[in-house]
Amino acid sequence: MRVRTMLLAAALGMAGAAGTVAQTSGFAMAQTSGFAVAQGTPDLPTRRPEEAQADPMQAFDVNKNGKLELAEIKSAAAARFDELNPDGDDALDEREAAPVLPGEAFRAADTDKNGTVNKAEYLAYVEQMFNVTNPDRDGSLDRAELDSKNGQALMKMLR
């Protein structure tokens, strides 16, 4: 499977695009501008460019308090999971998850190691990323936290 992942990354022209991956609290977090995202894969759900570029604060701040709470993040993540799951089964395989969980991130999110990521695993991974992105542990992400490398990686999980 590792060889297949490497070949896929090379074929997509993304060899090395994910940068280094650090282990933090048992999950992988990209240390560059975020996770590699498979662009232009024709049969995977994608969003229009203007949706992907929308200000996350405006897009996900439901209560309009200028911060993103975990509940708002998880709500957006649950909706994104459903978009990534066109066959409607209860889990994402590695191919379906590729736009938001490439390679090591997928394996880190797959906590039961069955080769798929179910919604509970996906939301748990998003929560772990939220916690790493929220170093002051105030329960919400402000603009500075969203603009951090970890914040940018988290936002890629929601778009």
C-alpha atoms as a PDB file:
ATOM      1  CA  MET A   1       0.000   0.000   0.000  1.00  0.00           C
ATOM      2  CA  ARG A   2       2.904   2.386   0.760  1.00  0.00           C
ATOM      3  CA  VAL A   3       4.291   1.877  -2.756  1.00  0.00           C
ATOM      4  CA  ARG A   4       0.853   2.586  -4.246  1.00  0.00           C
ATOM      5  CA  THR A   5       0.577   5.798  -2.211  1.00  0.00           C
ATOM      6  CA  MET A   6       4.045   6.911  -3.328  1.00  0.00           C
ATOM      7  CA  LEU A   7       3.228   6.135  -6.946  1.00  0.00           C
ATOM      8  CA  LEU A   8      -0.037   8.039  -6.701  1.00  0.00           C
ATOM      9  CA  ALA A   9       1.738  11.046  -5.201  1.00  0.00           C
ATOM     10  CA  ALA A  10       4.359  10.961  -7.943  1.00  0.00           C
ATOM     11  CA  ALA A  11       1.719  10.604 -10.646  1.00  0.00           C
ATOM     12  CA  LEU A  12      -0.113  13.599  -9.280  1.00  0.00           C
ATOM     13  CA  GLY A  13       3.100  15.584  -9.190  1.00  0.00           C
ATOM     14  CA  MET A  14       2.993  15.933  -5.460  1.00  0.00           C
ATOM     15  CA  ALA A  15       6.027  13.983  -4.342  1.00  0.00           C
ATOM     16  CA  GLY A  16       7.135  15.738  -1.201  1.00  0.00           C
ATOM     17  CA  ALA A  17       4.202  18.175  -1.253  1.00  0.00           C
ATOM     18  CA  ALA A  18       2.985  17.173   2.180  1.00  0.00           C
ATOM     19  CA  GLY A  19       6.323  18.132   3.715  1.00  0.00           C
ATOM     20  CA  THR A  20       7.386  16.588   6.956  1.00  0.00           C
ATOM     21  CA  VAL A  21       4.872  15.005   9.227  1.00  0.00           C
ATOM     22  CA  ALA A  22       5.136  15.356  12.972  1.00  0.00           C
ATOM     23  CA  GLN A  23       3.529  13.057  15.492  1.00  0.00           C
ATOM     24  CA  THR A  24       1.576  15.111  17.997  1.00  0.00           C
ATOM     25  CA  SER A  25      -0.705  13.470  20.532  1.00  0.00           C
ATOM     26  CA  GLY A  26      -0.856  10.332  18.417  1.00  0.00           C
ATOM     27  CA  PHE A  27      -1.775  11.870  15.081  1.00  0.00           C
ATOM     28  CA  ALA A  28       0.065  13.223  12.078  1.00  0.00           C
ATOM     29  CA  MET A  29       0.132  16.953  11.379  1.00  0.00           C
ATOM     30  CA  ALA A  30       1.739  18.431   8.285  1.00  0.00           C
ATOM     31  CA  GLN A  31       4.453  20.948   9.041  1.00  0.00           C
ATOM     32  CA  THR A  32       4.194  22.888   5.777  1.00  0.00           C
ATOM     33  CA  SER A  33       1.292  24.951   4.543  1.00  0.00           C
ATOM     34  CA  GLY A  34      -0.989  21.968   5.113  1.00  0.00           C
ATOM     35  CA  PHE A  35      -1.734  18.555   3.742  1.00  0.00           C
ATOM     36  CA  ALA A  36      -1.260  17.697   0.102  1.00  0.00           C
ATOM     37  CA  VAL A  37      -4.585  17.737  -1.675  1.00  0.00           C
ATOM     38  CA  ALA A  38      -5.224  15.719  -4.816  1.00  0.00           C
ATOM     39  CA  GLN A  39      -6.300  18.315  -7.344  1.00  0.00           C
ATOM     40  CA  GLY A  40      -8.364  17.495 -10.395  1.00  0.00           C
ATOM     41  CA  THR A  41      -9.307  13.938  -9.485  1.00  0.00           C
ATOM     42  CA  PRO A  42     -12.411  13.688 -11.701  1.00  0.00           C
ATOM     43  CA  ASP A  43     -14.567  11.288  -9.712  1.00  0.00           C
ATOM     44  CA  LEU A  44     -13.963  12.642  -6.218  1.00  0.00           C
ATOM     45  CA  PRO A  45     -16.153  15.402  -4.814  1.00  0.00           C
ATOM     46  CA  THR A  46     -14.489  18.773  -5.060  1.00  0.00           C
ATOM     47  CA  ARG A  47     -15.592  22.267  -4.271  1.00  0.00           C
ATOM     48  CA  ARG A  48     -15.668  25.239  -6.535  1.00  0.00           C
ATOM     49  CA  PRO A  49     -12.550  27.455  -6.173  1.00  0.00           C
ATOM     50  CA  GLU A  50     -14.545  30.280  -4.593  1.00  0.00           C
ATOM     51  CA  GLU A  51     -15.828  27.908  -1.882  1.00  0.00           C
ATOM     52  CA  ALA A  52     -12.356  26.615  -1.099  1.00  0.00           C
ATOM     53  CA  GLN A  53     -11.042  30.174  -0.787  1.00  0.00           C
ATOM     54  CA  ALA A  54     -13.916  31.507   1.352  1.00  0.00           C
ATOM     55  CA  ASP A  55     -12.902  33.064   4.672  1.00  0.00           C
ATOM     56  CA  PRO A  56     -13.276  30.234   7.209  1.00  0.00           C
ATOM     57  CA  MET A  57     -14.447  32.642   9.875  1.00  0.00           C
ATOM     58  CA  GLN A  58     -17.348  33.757   7.687  1.00  0.00           C
ATOM     59  CA  ALA A  59     -18.024  30.264   6.382  1.00  0.00           C
ATOM     60  CA  PHE A  60     -18.074  28.361   9.691  1.00  0.00           C
ATOM     61  CA  ASP A  61     -18.700  30.912  12.490  1.00  0.00           C
ATOM     62  CA  VAL A  62     -22.380  30.084  12.952  1.00  0.00           C
ATOM     63  CA  ASN A  63     -22.879  32.190  16.082  1.00  0.00           C
ATOM     64  CA  LYS A  64     -20.942  35.126  14.545  1.00  0.00           C
ATOM     65  CA  ASN A  65     -18.777  35.743  17.613  1.00  0.00           C
ATOM     66  CA  GLY A  66     -15.554  36.060  15.627  1.00  0.00           C
ATOM     67  CA  LYS A  67     -14.170  32.716  16.821  1.00  0.00           C
ATOM     68  CA  LEU A  68     -14.638  29.106  15.786  1.00  0.00           C
ATOM     69  CA  GLU A  69     -15.678  26.737  18.565  1.00  0.00           C
ATOM     70  CA  LEU A  70     -15.190  22.990  18.418  1.00  0.00           C
ATOM     71  CA  ALA A  71     -18.913  22.412  17.784  1.00  0.00           C
ATOM     72  CA  GLU A  72     -18.786  24.693  14.705  1.00  0.00           C
ATOM     73  CA  ILE A  73     -15.653  22.943  13.436  1.00  0.00           C
ATOM     74  CA  LYS A  74     -17.135  19.467  13.962  1.00  0.00           C
ATOM     75  CA  SER A  75     -20.391  20.461  12.260  1.00  0.00           C
ATOM     76  CA  ALA A  76     -18.466  21.608   9.185  1.00  0.00           C
ATOM     77  CA  ALA A  77     -16.292  18.467   9.322  1.00  0.00           C
ATOM     78  CA  ALA A  78     -19.360  16.204   9.465  1.00  0.00           C
ATOM     79  CA  ALA A  79     -20.788  17.907   6.380  1.00  0.00           C
ATOM     80  CA  ARG A  80     -17.433  17.563   4.573  1.00  0.00           C
ATOM     81  CA  PHE A  81     -17.278  13.853   5.497  1.00  0.00           C
ATOM     82  CA  ASP A  82     -20.693  13.359   3.875  1.00  0.00           C
ATOM     83  CA  GLU A  83     -19.514  15.166   0.708  1.00  0.00           C
ATOM     84  CA  LEU A  84     -16.455  12.925   0.498  1.00  0.00           C
ATOM     85  CA  ASN A  85     -18.583   9.788   0.834  1.00  0.00           C
ATOM     86  CA  PRO A  86     -20.537   9.579  -2.447  1.00  0.00           C
ATOM     87  CA  ASP A  87     -21.344   5.891  -2.038  1.00  0.00           C
ATOM     88  CA  GLY A  88     -23.062   6.661   1.278  1.00  0.00           C
ATOM     89  CA  ASP A  89     -21.481   3.815   3.205  1.00  0.00           C
ATOM     90  CA  ASP A  90     -20.397   4.477   6.761  1.00  0.00           C
ATOM     91  CA  ALA A  91     -16.694   5.064   6.066  1.00  0.00           C
ATOM     92  CA  LEU A  92     -14.185   6.679   3.737  1.00  0.00           C
ATOM     93  CA  ASP A  93     -11.657   4.486   2.011  1.00  0.00           C
ATOM     94  CA  GLU A  94      -8.210   5.931   1.314  1.00  0.00           C
ATOM     95  CA  ARG A  95      -9.237   7.087  -2.157  1.00  0.00           C
ATOM     96  CA  GLU A  96     -12.346   8.920  -0.943  1.00  0.00           C
ATOM     97  CA  ALA A  97     -10.409  10.568   1.882  1.00  0.00           C
ATOM     98  CA  ALA A  98      -7.442  11.615  -0.298  1.00  0.00           C
ATOM     99  CA  PRO A  99      -8.536  15.263  -0.693  1.00  0.00           C
ATOM    100  CA  VAL A 100      -8.381  15.827   3.076  1.00  0.00           C
ATOM    101  CA  LEU A 101      -6.438  12.881   4.561  1.00  0.00           C
ATOM    102  CA  PRO A 102      -3.590  11.919   2.253  1.00  0.00           C
ATOM    103  CA  GLY A 103      -1.116   9.196   3.214  1.00  0.00           C
ATOM    104  CA  GLU A 104       0.063   9.323   6.815  1.00  0.00           C
ATOM    105  CA  ALA A 105      -2.874  11.491   7.887  1.00  0.00           C
ATOM    106  CA  PHE A 106      -5.295   8.786   6.694  1.00  0.00           C
ATOM    107  CA  ARG A 107      -3.399   6.107   8.598  1.00  0.00           C
ATOM    108  CA  ALA A 108      -3.351   8.281  11.740  1.00  0.00           C
ATOM    109  CA  ALA A 109      -7.114   8.903  11.516  1.00  0.00           C
ATOM    110  CA  ASP A 110      -7.833   5.182  10.974  1.00  0.00           C
ATOM    111  CA  THR A 111      -7.549   4.337  14.664  1.00  0.00           C
ATOM    112  CA  ASP A 112      -9.011   0.827  14.371  1.00  0.00           C
ATOM    113  CA  LYS A 113      -6.614   0.092  11.459  1.00  0.00           C
ATOM    114  CA  ASN A 114      -9.298  -1.465   9.253  1.00  0.00           C
ATOM    115  CA  GLY A 115      -8.333   0.500   6.129  1.00  0.00           C
ATOM    116  CA  THR A 116     -11.234   2.959   6.339  1.00  0.00           C
ATOM    117  CA  VAL A 117     -12.057   6.088   8.344  1.00  0.00           C
ATOM    118  CA  ASN A 118     -15.596   6.211   9.701  1.00  0.00           C
ATOM    119  CA  LYS A 119     -17.299   9.465  10.700  1.00  0.00           C
ATOM    120  CA  ALA A 120     -16.463   9.039  14.393  1.00  0.00           C
ATOM    121  CA  GLU A 121     -12.760   8.538  13.571  1.00  0.00           C
ATOM    122  CA  TYR A 122     -12.812  11.523  11.206  1.00  0.00           C
ATOM    123  CA  LEU A 123     -14.419  13.787  13.804  1.00  0.00           C
ATOM    124  CA  ALA A 124     -12.018  12.555  16.503  1.00  0.00           C
ATOM    125  CA  TYR A 125      -9.071  13.388  14.224  1.00  0.00           C
ATOM    126  CA  VAL A 126     -10.554  16.832  13.530  1.00  0.00           C
ATOM    127  CA  GLU A 127     -10.939  17.356  17.285  1.00  0.00           C
ATOM    128  CA  GLN A 128      -7.294  16.412  17.861  1.00  0.00           C
ATOM    129  CA  MET A 129      -6.267  18.886  15.172  1.00  0.00           C
ATOM    130  CA  PHE A 130      -8.486  21.541  16.779  1.00  0.00           C
ATOM    131  CA  ASN A 131      -6.770  20.974  20.136  1.00  0.00           C
ATOM    132  CA  VAL A 132      -3.290  21.280  18.625  1.00  0.00           C
ATOM    133  CA  THR A 133      -4.371  24.447  16.816  1.00  0.00           C
ATOM    134  CA  ASN A 134      -5.745  25.875  20.086  1.00  0.00           C
ATOM    135  CA  PRO A 135      -2.610  26.119  22.271  1.00  0.00           C
ATOM    136  CA  ASP A 136      -4.239  28.505  24.753  1.00  0.00           C
ATOM    137  CA  ARG A 137      -6.981  25.883  25.348  1.00  0.00           C
ATOM    138  CA  ASP A 138      -9.725  28.511  25.450  1.00  0.00           C
ATOM    139  CA  GLY A 139     -12.118  26.305  23.476  1.00  0.00           C
ATOM    140  CA  SER A 140     -12.173  28.457  20.362  1.00  0.00           C
ATOM    141  CA  LEU A 141      -9.935  29.416  17.463  1.00  0.00           C
ATOM    142  CA  ASP A 142      -9.276  33.075  16.804  1.00  0.00           C
ATOM    143  CA  ARG A 143      -7.934  34.569  13.582  1.00  0.00           C
ATOM    144  CA  ALA A 144      -4.265  34.119  14.584  1.00  0.00           C
ATOM    145  CA  GLU A 145      -4.804  30.439  15.387  1.00  0.00           C
ATOM    146  CA  LEU A 146      -6.629  29.894  12.081  1.00  0.00           C
ATOM    147  CA  ASP A 147      -3.786  31.575  10.199  1.00  0.00           C
ATOM    148  CA  SER A 148      -1.172  29.278  11.774  1.00  0.00           C
ATOM    149  CA  LYS A 149       0.149  26.264   9.841  1.00  0.00           C
ATOM    150  CA  ASN A 150      -1.912  23.951  12.030  1.00  0.00           C
ATOM    151  CA  GLY A 151      -4.985  26.138  11.512  1.00  0.00           C
ATOM    152  CA  GLN A 152      -4.522  26.057   7.752  1.00  0.00           C
ATOM    153  CA  ALA A 153      -4.202  22.259   7.834  1.00  0.00           C
ATOM    154  CA  LEU A 154      -7.376  22.015   9.908  1.00  0.00           C
ATOM    155  CA  MET A 155      -9.278  24.250   7.483  1.00  0.00           C
ATOM    156  CA  LYS A 156      -8.297  21.963   4.591  1.00  0.00           C
ATOM    157  CA  MET A 157     -10.210  19.210   6.390  1.00  0.00           C
ATOM    158  CA  LEU A 158     -13.389  21.302   6.197  1.00  0.00           C
ATOM    159  CA  ARG A 159     -13.225  22.580   2.617  1.00  0.00           C
END
